[in-house]
Amino acid sequence: MKLIKGDKVKVLIGKDKDREGEIVRSFPKVGKILVKGLNIFKKHIKASQGQKGGIIEKERPLLASKVALICPSCKKTTRVGYQIDKQGNKYRICKKCQSLINQKETK
């Protein structure tokens, strides 16, 4: 998966279409990401010993294919590519402006 924690993304499909947020957690095995403040649902909690009951709001994971990365340098939604330098380090790059997305090397 090309999206990692801390990336800023824009939702392309669904009830939160055209909203932006930051990735809090990624689930690469299932291809999903958790975006802060997006895809919120309400859950009814029954009162138990020491806890109050009520309705709480939680975030649900989104499919990674439903979001697009926002490039930090050109501020446009883009796809992610990879580039390998002469030392063999692999970096993520923006497909539109060809700039590095993050300075940390990927595995």
PDB file of N, CA and C in Angstrom:
ATOM      1  N   MET A   1       0.849  -1.177   0.000  1.00  0.00           N
ATOM      2  CA  MET A   1       0.000   0.000   0.000  1.00  0.00           C
ATOM      3  C   MET A   1       0.891   1.236   0.000  1.00  0.00           C
ATOM      4  N   LYS A   2       0.515   2.219  -0.786  1.00  0.00           N
ATOM      5  CA  LYS A   2       1.356   3.394  -0.973  1.00  0.00           C
ATOM      6  C   LYS A   2       1.039   4.541  -0.017  1.00  0.00           C
ATOM      7  N   LEU A   3      -0.017   4.415   0.772  1.00  0.00           N
ATOM      8  CA  LEU A   3      -0.389   5.446   1.740  1.00  0.00           C
ATOM      9  C   LEU A   3       0.073   5.026   3.124  1.00  0.00           C
ATOM     10  N   ILE A   4       0.645   5.974   3.875  1.00  0.00           N
ATOM     11  CA  ILE A   4       1.137   5.669   5.211  1.00  0.00           C
ATOM     12  C   ILE A   4       0.584   6.675   6.215  1.00  0.00           C
ATOM     13  N   LYS A   5       0.801   6.395   7.485  1.00  0.00           N
ATOM     14  CA  LYS A   5       0.339   7.250   8.571  1.00  0.00           C
ATOM     15  C   LYS A   5       0.937   8.650   8.428  1.00  0.00           C
ATOM     16  N   GLY A   6       0.108   9.660   8.607  1.00  0.00           N
ATOM     17  CA  GLY A   6       0.564  11.039   8.524  1.00  0.00           C
ATOM     18  C   GLY A   6       0.307  11.696   7.183  1.00  0.00           C
ATOM     19  N   ASP A   7      -0.038  10.924   6.152  1.00  0.00           N
ATOM     20  CA  ASP A   7      -0.334  11.493   4.835  1.00  0.00           C
ATOM     21  C   ASP A   7      -1.669  12.215   4.869  1.00  0.00           C
ATOM     22  N   LYS A   8      -1.772  13.291   4.085  1.00  0.00           N
ATOM     23  CA  LYS A   8      -3.024  14.013   3.947  1.00  0.00           C
ATOM     24  C   LYS A   8      -3.715  13.501   2.693  1.00  0.00           C
ATOM     25  N   VAL A   9      -4.995  13.113   2.842  1.00  0.00           N
ATOM     26  CA  VAL A   9      -5.730  12.517   1.731  1.00  0.00           C
ATOM     27  C   VAL A   9      -7.064  13.217   1.510  1.00  0.00           C
ATOM     28  N   LYS A  10      -7.613  13.026   0.298  1.00  0.00           N
ATOM     29  CA  LYS A  10      -8.921  13.555  -0.070  1.00  0.00           C
ATOM     30  C   LYS A  10      -9.797  12.376  -0.461  1.00  0.00           C
ATOM     31  N   VAL A  11     -11.033  12.335   0.050  1.00  0.00           N
ATOM     32  CA  VAL A  11     -11.958  11.245  -0.235  1.00  0.00           C
ATOM     33  C   VAL A  11     -12.592  11.481  -1.604  1.00  0.00           C
ATOM     34  N   LEU A  12     -12.601  10.435  -2.441  1.00  0.00           N
ATOM     35  CA  LEU A  12     -13.112  10.533  -3.803  1.00  0.00           C
ATOM     36  C   LEU A  12     -14.539  10.012  -3.952  1.00  0.00           C
ATOM     37  N   ILE A  13     -14.923   9.041  -3.122  1.00  0.00           N
ATOM     38  CA  ILE A  13     -16.216   8.364  -3.264  1.00  0.00           C
ATOM     39  C   ILE A  13     -16.871   8.238  -1.890  1.00  0.00           C
ATOM     40  N   GLY A  14     -18.203   8.355  -1.845  1.00  0.00           N
ATOM     41  CA  GLY A  14     -18.936   8.080  -0.614  1.00  0.00           C
ATOM     42  C   GLY A  14     -19.548   9.306   0.017  1.00  0.00           C
ATOM     43  N   LYS A  15     -20.021   9.136   1.255  1.00  0.00           N
ATOM     44  CA  LYS A  15     -20.728  10.223   1.939  1.00  0.00           C
ATOM     45  C   LYS A  15     -19.804  11.377   2.307  1.00  0.00           C
ATOM     46  N   ASP A  16     -18.508  11.125   2.445  1.00  0.00           N
ATOM     47  CA  ASP A  16     -17.536  12.167   2.788  1.00  0.00           C
ATOM     48  C   ASP A  16     -16.778  12.661   1.569  1.00  0.00           C
ATOM     49  N   LYS A  17     -17.360  12.552   0.390  1.00  0.00           N
ATOM     50  CA  LYS A  17     -16.690  12.950  -0.851  1.00  0.00           C
ATOM     51  C   LYS A  17     -16.210  14.401  -0.786  1.00  0.00           C
ATOM     52  N   ASP A  18     -15.000  14.652  -1.283  1.00  0.00           N
ATOM     53  CA  ASP A  18     -14.342  15.969  -1.343  1.00  0.00           C
ATOM     54  C   ASP A  18     -13.893  16.496   0.019  1.00  0.00           C
ATOM     55  N   ARG A  19     -13.961  15.681   1.064  1.00  0.00           N
ATOM     56  CA  ARG A  19     -13.431  16.099   2.363  1.00  0.00           C
ATOM     57  C   ARG A  19     -12.001  15.611   2.505  1.00  0.00           C
ATOM     58  N   GLU A  20     -11.212  16.356   3.298  1.00  0.00           N
ATOM     59  CA  GLU A  20      -9.804  16.031   3.476  1.00  0.00           C
ATOM     60  C   GLU A  20      -9.522  15.681   4.929  1.00  0.00           C
ATOM     61  N   GLY A  21      -8.500  14.863   5.129  1.00  0.00           N
ATOM     62  CA  GLY A  21      -8.114  14.487   6.473  1.00  0.00           C
ATOM     63  C   GLY A  21      -6.750  13.824   6.479  1.00  0.00           C
ATOM     64  N   GLU A  22      -6.261  13.560   7.686  1.00  0.00           N
ATOM     65  CA  GLU A  22      -4.953  12.945   7.862  1.00  0.00           C
ATOM     66  C   GLU A  22      -5.114  11.483   8.267  1.00  0.00           C
ATOM     67  N   ILE A  23      -4.252  10.635   7.725  1.00  0.00           N
ATOM     68  CA  ILE A  23      -4.315   9.212   8.039  1.00  0.00           C
ATOM     69  C   ILE A  23      -3.787   8.993   9.454  1.00  0.00           C
ATOM     70  N   VAL A  24      -4.604   8.328  10.283  1.00  0.00           N
ATOM     71  CA  VAL A  24      -4.246   8.030  11.658  1.00  0.00           C
ATOM     72  C   VAL A  24      -3.593   6.648  11.746  1.00  0.00           C
ATOM     73  N   ARG A  25      -4.136   5.713  10.968  1.00  0.00           N
ATOM     74  CA  ARG A  25      -3.635   4.341  11.003  1.00  0.00           C
ATOM     75  C   ARG A  25      -3.911   3.681   9.660  1.00  0.00           C
ATOM     76  N   SER A  26      -3.041   2.771   9.255  1.00  0.00           N
ATOM     77  CA  SER A  26      -3.275   2.031   8.019  1.00  0.00           C
ATOM     78  C   SER A  26      -3.314   0.538   8.303  1.00  0.00           C
ATOM     79  N   PHE A  27      -4.098  -0.168   7.519  1.00  0.00           N
ATOM     80  CA  PHE A  27      -4.241  -1.614   7.617  1.00  0.00           C
ATOM     81  C   PHE A  27      -3.867  -2.211   6.259  1.00  0.00           C
ATOM     82  N   PRO A  28      -2.559  -2.419   6.005  1.00  0.00           N
ATOM     83  CA  PRO A  28      -2.123  -2.834   4.670  1.00  0.00           C
ATOM     84  C   PRO A  28      -2.610  -4.213   4.228  1.00  0.00           C
ATOM     85  N   LYS A  29      -2.831  -5.129   5.160  1.00  0.00           N
ATOM     86  CA  LYS A  29      -3.262  -6.477   4.773  1.00  0.00           C
ATOM     87  C   LYS A  29      -4.660  -6.481   4.168  1.00  0.00           C
ATOM     88  N   VAL A  30      -5.523  -5.577   4.618  1.00  0.00           N
ATOM     89  CA  VAL A  30      -6.884  -5.507   4.087  1.00  0.00           C
ATOM     90  C   VAL A  30      -7.088  -4.315   3.158  1.00  0.00           C
ATOM     91  N   GLY A  31      -6.064  -3.474   3.003  1.00  0.00           N
ATOM     92  CA  GLY A  31      -6.133  -2.339   2.082  1.00  0.00           C
ATOM     93  C   GLY A  31      -7.022  -1.212   2.558  1.00  0.00           C
ATOM     94  N   LYS A  32      -7.037  -0.975   3.867  1.00  0.00           N
ATOM     95  CA  LYS A  32      -7.882   0.080   4.418  1.00  0.00           C
ATOM     96  C   LYS A  32      -7.050   1.072   5.224  1.00  0.00           C
ATOM     97  N   ILE A  33      -7.595   2.286   5.385  1.00  0.00           N
ATOM     98  CA  ILE A  33      -6.946   3.327   6.182  1.00  0.00           C
ATOM     99  C   ILE A  33      -7.985   3.972   7.091  1.00  0.00           C
ATOM    100  N   LEU A  34      -7.517   4.522   8.206  1.00  0.00           N
ATOM    101  CA  LEU A  34      -8.372   5.229   9.145  1.00  0.00           C
ATOM    102  C   LEU A  34      -8.012   6.706   9.060  1.00  0.00           C
ATOM    103  N   VAL A  35      -8.987   7.529   8.660  1.00  0.00           N
ATOM    104  CA  VAL A  35      -8.753   8.963   8.471  1.00  0.00           C
ATOM    105  C   VAL A  35      -9.427   9.721   9.606  1.00  0.00           C
ATOM    106  N   LYS A  36      -8.682  10.651  10.190  1.00  0.00           N
ATOM    107  CA  LYS A  36      -9.170  11.415  11.341  1.00  0.00           C
ATOM    108  C   LYS A  36     -10.362  12.293  10.945  1.00  0.00           C
ATOM    109  N   GLY A  37     -11.501  12.089  11.645  1.00  0.00           N
ATOM    110  CA  GLY A  37     -12.679  12.925  11.439  1.00  0.00           C
ATOM    111  C   GLY A  37     -13.536  12.562  10.244  1.00  0.00           C
ATOM    112  N   LEU A  38     -13.244  11.472   9.546  1.00  0.00           N
ATOM    113  CA  LEU A  38     -14.030  11.084   8.379  1.00  0.00           C
ATOM    114  C   LEU A  38     -14.606   9.686   8.564  1.00  0.00           C
ATOM    115  N   ASN A  39     -15.678   9.407   7.831  1.00  0.00           N
ATOM    116  CA  ASN A  39     -16.385   8.127   7.866  1.00  0.00           C
ATOM    117  C   ASN A  39     -16.829   7.787   9.288  1.00  0.00           C
ATOM    118  N   ILE A  40     -17.485   8.749   9.910  1.00  0.00           N
ATOM    119  CA  ILE A  40     -17.932   8.601  11.301  1.00  0.00           C
ATOM    120  C   ILE A  40     -19.299   7.916  11.336  1.00  0.00           C
ATOM    121  N   PHE A  41     -19.461   6.972  12.266  1.00  0.00           N
ATOM    122  CA  PHE A  41     -20.743   6.321  12.483  1.00  0.00           C
ATOM    123  C   PHE A  41     -21.073   6.374  13.962  1.00  0.00           C
ATOM    124  N   LYS A  42     -22.343   6.184  14.271  1.00  0.00           N
ATOM    125  CA  LYS A  42     -22.799   6.244  15.660  1.00  0.00           C
ATOM    126  C   LYS A  42     -22.997   4.833  16.177  1.00  0.00           C
ATOM    127  N   LYS A  43     -22.544   4.606  17.397  1.00  0.00           N
ATOM    128  CA  LYS A  43     -22.659   3.303  18.022  1.00  0.00           C
ATOM    129  C   LYS A  43     -23.404   3.455  19.339  1.00  0.00           C
ATOM    130  N   HIS A  44     -24.400   2.610  19.550  1.00  0.00           N
ATOM    131  CA  HIS A  44     -25.181   2.645  20.774  1.00  0.00           C
ATOM    132  C   HIS A  44     -24.526   1.723  21.799  1.00  0.00           C
ATOM    133  N   ILE A  45     -24.199   2.283  22.958  1.00  0.00           N
ATOM    134  CA  ILE A  45     -23.534   1.537  24.017  1.00  0.00           C
ATOM    135  C   ILE A  45     -24.513   1.327  25.173  1.00  0.00           C
ATOM    136  N   LYS A  46     -24.596   0.090  25.615  1.00  0.00           N
ATOM    137  CA  LYS A  46     -25.451  -0.229  26.749  1.00  0.00           C
ATOM    138  C   LYS A  46     -24.688   0.063  28.039  1.00  0.00           C
ATOM    139  N   ALA A  47     -25.364   0.591  29.029  1.00  0.00           N
ATOM    140  CA  ALA A  47     -24.730   0.895  30.307  1.00  0.00           C
ATOM    141  C   ALA A  47     -24.318  -0.395  31.000  1.00  0.00           C
ATOM    142  N   SER A  48     -23.104  -0.396  31.519  1.00  0.00           N
ATOM    143  CA  SER A  48     -22.634  -1.552  32.271  1.00  0.00           C
ATOM    144  C   SER A  48     -22.028  -1.040  33.571  1.00  0.00           C
ATOM    145  N   GLN A  49     -21.465  -1.926  34.345  1.00  0.00           N
ATOM    146  CA  GLN A  49     -20.937  -1.555  35.647  1.00  0.00           C
ATOM    147  C   GLN A  49     -19.785  -0.559  35.490  1.00  0.00           C
ATOM    148  N   GLY A  50     -19.967   0.637  36.007  1.00  0.00           N
ATOM    149  CA  GLY A  50     -18.924   1.661  35.956  1.00  0.00           C
ATOM    150  C   GLY A  50     -18.910   2.479  34.671  1.00  0.00           C
ATOM    151  N   GLN A  51     -19.738   2.133  33.684  1.00  0.00           N
ATOM    152  CA  GLN A  51     -19.785   2.877  32.424  1.00  0.00           C
ATOM    153  C   GLN A  51     -21.180   3.397  32.177  1.00  0.00           C
ATOM    154  N   LYS A  52     -21.240   4.588  31.573  1.00  0.00           N
ATOM    155  CA  LYS A  52     -22.520   5.157  31.202  1.00  0.00           C
ATOM    156  C   LYS A  52     -22.899   4.669  29.812  1.00  0.00           C
ATOM    157  N   GLY A  53     -24.173   4.511  29.595  1.00  0.00           N
ATOM    158  CA  GLY A  53     -24.656   4.137  28.277  1.00  0.00           C
ATOM    159  C   GLY A  53     -24.877   5.383  27.433  1.00  0.00           C
ATOM    160  N   GLY A  54     -25.112   5.199  26.165  1.00  0.00           N
ATOM    161  CA  GLY A  54     -25.394   6.327  25.295  1.00  0.00           C
ATOM    162  C   GLY A  54     -24.948   6.063  23.870  1.00  0.00           C
ATOM    163  N   ILE A  55     -24.902   7.115  23.099  1.00  0.00           N
ATOM    164  CA  ILE A  55     -24.516   7.025  21.693  1.00  0.00           C
ATOM    165  C   ILE A  55     -23.155   7.696  21.540  1.00  0.00           C
ATOM    166  N   ILE A  56     -22.197   6.939  21.010  1.00  0.00           N
ATOM    167  CA  ILE A  56     -20.869   7.514  20.778  1.00  0.00           C
ATOM    168  C   ILE A  56     -20.585   7.518  19.274  1.00  0.00           C
ATOM    169  N   GLU A  57     -19.695   8.418  18.862  1.00  0.00           N
ATOM    170  CA  GLU A  57     -19.313   8.491  17.454  1.00  0.00           C
ATOM    171  C   GLU A  57     -17.918   7.918  17.295  1.00  0.00           C
ATOM    172  N   LYS A  58     -17.755   7.043  16.313  1.00  0.00           N
ATOM    173  CA  LYS A  58     -16.470   6.411  16.045  1.00  0.00           C
ATOM    174  C   LYS A  58     -16.134   6.562  14.568  1.00  0.00           C
ATOM    175  N   GLU A  59     -14.835   6.452  14.258  1.00  0.00           N
ATOM    176  CA  GLU A  59     -14.392   6.485  12.866  1.00  0.00           C
ATOM    177  C   GLU A  59     -14.243   5.057  12.367  1.00  0.00           C
ATOM    178  N   ARG A  60     -14.658   4.823  11.147  1.00  0.00           N
ATOM    179  CA  ARG A  60     -14.505   3.516  10.521  1.00  0.00           C
ATOM    180  C   ARG A  60     -13.430   3.606   9.447  1.00  0.00           C
ATOM    181  N   PRO A  61     -12.731   2.505   9.184  1.00  0.00           N
ATOM    182  CA  PRO A  61     -11.723   2.524   8.117  1.00  0.00           C
ATOM    183  C   PRO A  61     -12.350   2.675   6.732  1.00  0.00           C
ATOM    184  N   LEU A  62     -11.626   3.344   5.845  1.00  0.00           N
ATOM    185  CA  LEU A  62     -12.012   3.515   4.443  1.00  0.00           C
ATOM    186  C   LEU A  62     -11.126   2.632   3.577  1.00  0.00           C
ATOM    187  N   LEU A  63     -11.621   2.230   2.429  1.00  0.00           N
ATOM    188  CA  LEU A  63     -10.770   1.541   1.471  1.00  0.00           C
ATOM    189  C   LEU A  63      -9.745   2.531   0.920  1.00  0.00           C
ATOM    190  N   ALA A  64      -8.525   2.085   0.769  1.00  0.00           N
ATOM    191  CA  ALA A  64      -7.459   2.962   0.287  1.00  0.00           C
ATOM    192  C   ALA A  64      -7.705   3.404  -1.154  1.00  0.00           C
ATOM    193  N   SER A  65      -8.476   2.627  -1.913  1.00  0.00           N
ATOM    194  CA  SER A  65      -8.759   2.979  -3.306  1.00  0.00           C
ATOM    195  C   SER A  65      -9.769   4.125  -3.415  1.00  0.00           C
ATOM    196  N   LYS A  66     -10.451   4.459  -2.315  1.00  0.00           N
ATOM    197  CA  LYS A  66     -11.448   5.528  -2.334  1.00  0.00           C
ATOM    198  C   LYS A  66     -10.868   6.896  -1.984  1.00  0.00           C
ATOM    199  N   VAL A  67      -9.564   6.956  -1.720  1.00  0.00           N
ATOM    200  CA  VAL A  67      -8.934   8.230  -1.375  1.00  0.00           C
ATOM    201  C   VAL A  67      -7.756   8.504  -2.307  1.00  0.00           C
ATOM    202  N   ALA A  68      -7.394   9.779  -2.405  1.00  0.00           N
ATOM    203  CA  ALA A  68      -6.237  10.184  -3.199  1.00  0.00           C
ATOM    204  C   ALA A  68      -5.311  11.010  -2.316  1.00  0.00           C
ATOM    205  N   LEU A  69      -4.030  10.797  -2.460  1.00  0.00           N
ATOM    206  CA  LEU A  69      -3.027  11.520  -1.683  1.00  0.00           C
ATOM    207  C   LEU A  69      -2.945  12.967  -2.140  1.00  0.00           C
ATOM    208  N   ILE A  70      -2.799  13.890  -1.192  1.00  0.00           N
ATOM    209  CA  ILE A  70      -2.572  15.301  -1.512  1.00  0.00           C
ATOM    210  C   ILE A  70      -1.078  15.546  -1.370  1.00  0.00           C
ATOM    211  N   CYS A  71      -0.446  15.964  -2.474  1.00  0.00           N
ATOM    212  CA  CYS A  71       1.000  16.193  -2.483  1.00  0.00           C
ATOM    213  C   CYS A  71       1.335  17.386  -1.591  1.00  0.00           C
ATOM    214  N   PRO A  72       2.338  17.256  -0.695  1.00  0.00           N
ATOM    215  CA  PRO A  72       2.699  18.371   0.186  1.00  0.00           C
ATOM    216  C   PRO A  72       3.284  19.578  -0.550  1.00  0.00           C
ATOM    217  N   SER A  73       3.893  19.352  -1.719  1.00  0.00           N
ATOM    218  CA  SER A  73       4.530  20.476  -2.407  1.00  0.00           C
ATOM    219  C   SER A  73       3.605  21.163  -3.416  1.00  0.00           C
ATOM    220  N   CYS A  74       2.861  20.402  -4.245  1.00  0.00           N
ATOM    221  CA  CYS A  74       2.008  21.039  -5.257  1.00  0.00           C
ATOM    222  C   CYS A  74       0.552  21.178  -4.816  1.00  0.00           C
ATOM    223  N   LYS A  75       0.178  20.586  -3.659  1.00  0.00           N
ATOM    224  CA  LYS A  75      -1.162  20.678  -3.065  1.00  0.00           C
ATOM    225  C   LYS A  75      -2.271  20.147  -3.981  1.00  0.00           C
ATOM    226  N   LYS A  76      -1.946  19.188  -4.866  1.00  0.00           N
ATOM    227  CA  LYS A  76      -2.934  18.578  -5.746  1.00  0.00           C
ATOM    228  C   LYS A  76      -3.085  17.109  -5.387  1.00  0.00           C
ATOM    229  N   THR A  77      -4.259  16.547  -5.712  1.00  0.00           N
ATOM    230  CA  THR A  77      -4.426  15.110  -5.515  1.00  0.00           C
ATOM    231  C   THR A  77      -3.618  14.393  -6.576  1.00  0.00           C
ATOM    232  N   THR A  78      -2.904  13.373  -6.165  1.00  0.00           N
ATOM    233  CA  THR A  78      -1.982  12.715  -7.077  1.00  0.00           C
ATOM    234  C   THR A  78      -1.867  11.239  -6.772  1.00  0.00           C
ATOM    235  N   ARG A  79      -1.248  10.513  -7.693  1.00  0.00           N
ATOM    236  CA  ARG A  79      -0.894   9.130  -7.457  1.00  0.00           C
ATOM    237  C   ARG A  79       0.529   9.088  -6.932  1.00  0.00           C
ATOM    238  N   VAL A  80       0.904   7.966  -6.352  1.00  0.00           N
ATOM    239  CA  VAL A  80       2.228   7.827  -5.746  1.00  0.00           C
ATOM    240  C   VAL A  80       3.085   6.916  -6.615  1.00  0.00           C
ATOM    241  N   GLY A  81       4.319   7.353  -6.842  1.00  0.00           N
ATOM    242  CA  GLY A  81       5.288   6.527  -7.548  1.00  0.00           C
ATOM    243  C   GLY A  81       6.487   6.290  -6.648  1.00  0.00           C
ATOM    244  N   TYR A  82       7.383   5.456  -7.107  1.00  0.00           N
ATOM    245  CA  TYR A  82       8.593   5.165  -6.352  1.00  0.00           C
ATOM    246  C   TYR A  82       9.819   5.515  -7.171  1.00  0.00           C
ATOM    247  N   GLN A  83      10.871   5.911  -6.469  1.00  0.00           N
ATOM    248  CA  GLN A  83      12.141   6.229  -7.107  1.00  0.00           C
ATOM    249  C   GLN A  83      13.253   5.640  -6.255  1.00  0.00           C
ATOM    250  N   ILE A  84      14.250   5.042  -6.910  1.00  0.00           N
ATOM    251  CA  ILE A  84      15.376   4.447  -6.208  1.00  0.00           C
ATOM    252  C   ILE A  84      16.617   5.257  -6.546  1.00  0.00           C
ATOM    253  N   ASP A  85      17.334   5.722  -5.489  1.00  0.00           N
ATOM    254  CA  ASP A  85      18.546   6.507  -5.741  1.00  0.00           C
ATOM    255  C   ASP A  85      19.751   5.581  -5.918  1.00  0.00           C
ATOM    256  N   LYS A  86      20.919   6.179  -6.085  1.00  0.00           N
ATOM    257  CA  LYS A  86      22.135   5.411  -6.380  1.00  0.00           C
ATOM    258  C   LYS A  86      22.585   4.524  -5.227  1.00  0.00           C
ATOM    259  N   GLN A  87      22.230   4.880  -3.995  1.00  0.00           N
ATOM    260  CA  GLN A  87      22.588   4.050  -2.847  1.00  0.00           C
ATOM    261  C   GLN A  87      21.623   2.878  -2.663  1.00  0.00           C
ATOM    262  N   GLY A  88      20.540   2.845  -3.439  1.00  0.00           N
ATOM    263  CA  GLY A  88      19.557   1.772  -3.333  1.00  0.00           C
ATOM    264  C   GLY A  88      18.398   2.092  -2.412  1.00  0.00           C
ATOM    265  N   ASN A  89      18.280   3.336  -1.953  1.00  0.00           N
ATOM    266  CA  ASN A  89      17.161   3.745  -1.098  1.00  0.00           C
ATOM    267  C   ASN A  89      15.936   4.036  -1.953  1.00  0.00           C
ATOM    268  N   LYS A  90      14.764   3.612  -1.472  1.00  0.00           N
ATOM    269  CA  LYS A  90      13.516   3.760  -2.201  1.00  0.00           C
ATOM    270  C   LYS A  90      12.704   4.894  -1.592  1.00  0.00           C
ATOM    271  N   TYR A  91      12.265   5.844  -2.422  1.00  0.00           N
ATOM    272  CA  TYR A  91      11.506   7.010  -1.965  1.00  0.00           C
ATOM    273  C   TYR A  91      10.180   7.091  -2.714  1.00  0.00           C
ATOM    274  N   ARG A  92       9.167   7.674  -2.051  1.00  0.00           N
ATOM    275  CA  ARG A  92       7.884   7.933  -2.702  1.00  0.00           C
ATOM    276  C   ARG A  92       7.948   9.285  -3.392  1.00  0.00           C
ATOM    277  N   ILE A  93       7.389   9.374  -4.613  1.00  0.00           N
ATOM    278  CA  ILE A  93       7.368  10.637  -5.344  1.00  0.00           C
ATOM    279  C   ILE A  93       5.952  10.925  -5.834  1.00  0.00           C
ATOM    280  N   CYS A  94       5.684  12.213  -6.078  1.00  0.00           N
ATOM    281  CA  CYS A  94       4.421  12.675  -6.640  1.00  0.00           C
ATOM    282  C   CYS A  94       4.475  12.457  -8.153  1.00  0.00           C
ATOM    283  N   LYS A  95       3.430  11.878  -8.726  1.00  0.00           N
ATOM    284  CA  LYS A  95       3.402  11.622 -10.164  1.00  0.00           C
ATOM    285  C   LYS A  95       3.183  12.898 -10.974  1.00  0.00           C
ATOM    286  N   LYS A  96       2.657  13.973 -10.346  1.00  0.00           N
ATOM    287  CA  LYS A  96       2.389  15.203 -11.081  1.00  0.00           C
ATOM    288  C   LYS A  96       3.600  16.133 -11.116  1.00  0.00           C
ATOM    289  N   CYS A  97       4.225  16.367  -9.937  1.00  0.00           N
ATOM    290  CA  CYS A  97       5.319  17.340  -9.886  1.00  0.00           C
ATOM    291  C   CYS A  97       6.690  16.682  -9.719  1.00  0.00           C
ATOM    292  N   GLN A  98       6.730  15.354  -9.576  1.00  0.00           N
ATOM    293  CA  GLN A  98       7.970  14.576  -9.449  1.00  0.00           C
ATOM    294  C   GLN A  98       8.801  14.928  -8.218  1.00  0.00           C
ATOM    295  N   SER A  99       8.195  15.550  -7.207  1.00  0.00           N
ATOM    296  CA  SER A  99       8.936  15.876  -5.982  1.00  0.00           C
ATOM    297  C   SER A  99       8.790  14.744  -4.969  1.00  0.00           C
ATOM    298  N   LEU A 100       9.709  14.686  -4.005  1.00  0.00           N
ATOM    299  CA  LEU A 100       9.647  13.654  -2.977  1.00  0.00           C
ATOM    300  C   LEU A 100       8.480  13.939  -2.037  1.00  0.00           C
ATOM    301  N   ILE A 101       7.730  12.895  -1.721  1.00  0.00           N
ATOM    302  CA  ILE A 101       6.598  13.053  -0.800  1.00  0.00           C
ATOM    303  C   ILE A 101       7.083  13.017   0.629  1.00  0.00           C
ATOM    304  N   ASN A 102       7.978  12.106   0.937  1.00  0.00           N
ATOM    305  CA  ASN A 102       8.537  12.049   2.283  1.00  0.00           C
ATOM    306  C   ASN A 102      10.037  11.835   2.187  1.00  0.00           C
ATOM    307  N   GLN A 103      10.749  12.326   3.152  1.00  0.00           N
ATOM    308  CA  GLN A 103      12.200  12.197   3.130  1.00  0.00           C
ATOM    309  C   GLN A 103      12.659  10.857   3.685  1.00  0.00           C
ATOM    310  N   LYS A 104      11.777  10.169   4.439  1.00  0.00           N
ATOM    311  CA  LYS A 104      12.141   8.857   4.983  1.00  0.00           C
ATOM    312  C   LYS A 104      12.113   7.847   3.857  1.00  0.00           C
ATOM    313  N   GLU A 105      13.050   6.923   3.906  1.00  0.00           N
ATOM    314  CA  GLU A 105      13.059   5.876   2.892  1.00  0.00           C
ATOM    315  C   GLU A 105      12.035   4.806   3.242  1.00  0.00           C
ATOM    316  N   THR A 106      11.469   4.181   2.219  1.00  0.00           N
ATOM    317  CA  THR A 106      10.509   3.116   2.426  1.00  0.00           C
ATOM    318  C   THR A 106      11.212   1.776   2.281  1.00  0.00           C
ATOM    319  N   LYS A 107      10.571   0.736   2.775  1.00  0.00           N
ATOM    320  CA  LYS A 107      11.178  -0.598   2.719  1.00  0.00           C
ATOM    321  C   LYS A 107      10.967  -1.255   1.383  1.00  0.00           C
TER     322      LYS A 107
END
